[in-house]
Structures are given as C-alpha cells and as structure tokens.
C-alpha cells in the first residue's frame, strides 16, 4: 500500500485541489493507497474538507510540520510513504517515477518545484539561484518527499527539534542509508507566500536561519518573531552598505568606473 501523508494547518483554500490531484495521480495505480491528512490545530474548515474528500484525518496540536509528518507516518498503513504538502499538486509521473526509484534501491527522494501563479521578479531570480544550489547538493524539498516505511523508521523520521529545514536533515539521514533521487518532473506548489510577504521579510528570515544555524530553527519564538527578521536584515544591509561605501572610497575613480558600473545581479 502507498500512503500519502498531507500535513495541514488552516489550508481550506488549497487542500481540496491537493487531494484531487493525488486522487487523479493514483488513477490506475496497481497498488492500494490511502490519503492521511494531519490536521495540526487548524481553526478553519481543513478537517471537514479532508473528510469530504475521503481522506483519513489525524488531529494533533503541535504547530510543527515535522511532528505532523511523523504523526501521519505513525498512522499510515502503507509500505511506501509519500509526504505531500497541503498546497502542492503532484501527478502520475511523480508516483510512477518515485516507485521506480524505490524499486531500484533508492533510499528515498523528492522533486524540484515550480510556483503557481504570478510571483515577483526578485523571487524568480532568487529561486533560480537557490534551487540550482539546493538541488545541486541533492537535497529534498519539503513539498514532496518519498521513502519506504523501513527507511523512514531507520532514520527516526523527521527531527522534531526543528521548526524549519527539517527536510534537509531528513534528506541527509536518507542519504546515509543509500542513494537519494530528485525527480526531474517538478511538482506544482503555491507561490502565495512570495506574493504575500515583501522580499526583506522572506530574505531576512532566511538570513537568520543561515546566520543562527541549527540553534535558530529549534525555536519557534526565535524563528518566527515578527520583529526579529526585519531588524537583523536591516542591520546586515546597513553593514553591507557601509563596507561597500568604504571600499568604494579606496578605489580610484577611473578603475571604479570600469569595474563597478555593472548593475547588481547582472551575472545571473
């Protein structure tokens, strides 16, 4: 059996499309399957929508995606575990290619992702650079991950110390067991956060995660503080501007003209 595990928190707007996509993707699947929606303290119609779609609902109150995925895996009956975010659409190719990879001895895998709808220019540039680096390191995206139950249990599941980046540690744990496959076919995931939040908040939070390392993502309060990210982002930006200004003063005018007239990011 294949178990599709969908962690969800207040996903009434996205969940029905995600579940419909899973059902369409499993059409003609030779193995039986189940869909488990892990409702993590939703205050909207998320659990009702899941039940209406025929999914089994597991309720927890952790507000942590690693815990939600683990709860779904514990409740699942399948030998194969597919973790699909509540705002992500998969298709038949993802399932067939993933099953083929597992059958070929891969410990697990993931897929690249593309955002739905319009997203700002800055985010398109950033995502292109980030994804080139991230998937070049053969790491899995949290929107879609797959493995066997045996491998999931061997890794200990998702590390519940982390409130973000848990898919990185899970990918690394699977890679210790064997090969890790990133599918070429991208999943379609929501670009709503890139539309909702300005660049400084998103990039500021990412900056904090990199600067703080694992310690930072072990605390929800530190990671999701409404004032911390903009504050650190602004301080870092001011330091960068100051360093650049000091550097520019030391460069002769003629050389500066030749070397620094290109706009930032022109090499992308």
Foldseek 3Di string as FASTA:
>chain_A
DEEEEEEDAQLPPAQLVQLVLVVQLCVVPPDDYAYEYEYAPHPDCVVVSCVVSPHHYHYHHDLAVQVSQVVSLVPDDFQKYKYAYSQWHDHNVVVVVQVVCVVVPQQKEAEAADADDDFDPVVVLVCVVVCCVQCVVVFHDNRIMMGGSVSCVVLVGFDLLFRPPSSRVVRVSSVVVHHYDYDHDHMYGHPVVSVPDDPQQVVLLVVCCVVVDRVQRSDPCNNPPPPNSNVVSVVVVVVVVVVVVVVVVPDDPVVCVVPPPDDPPPVD
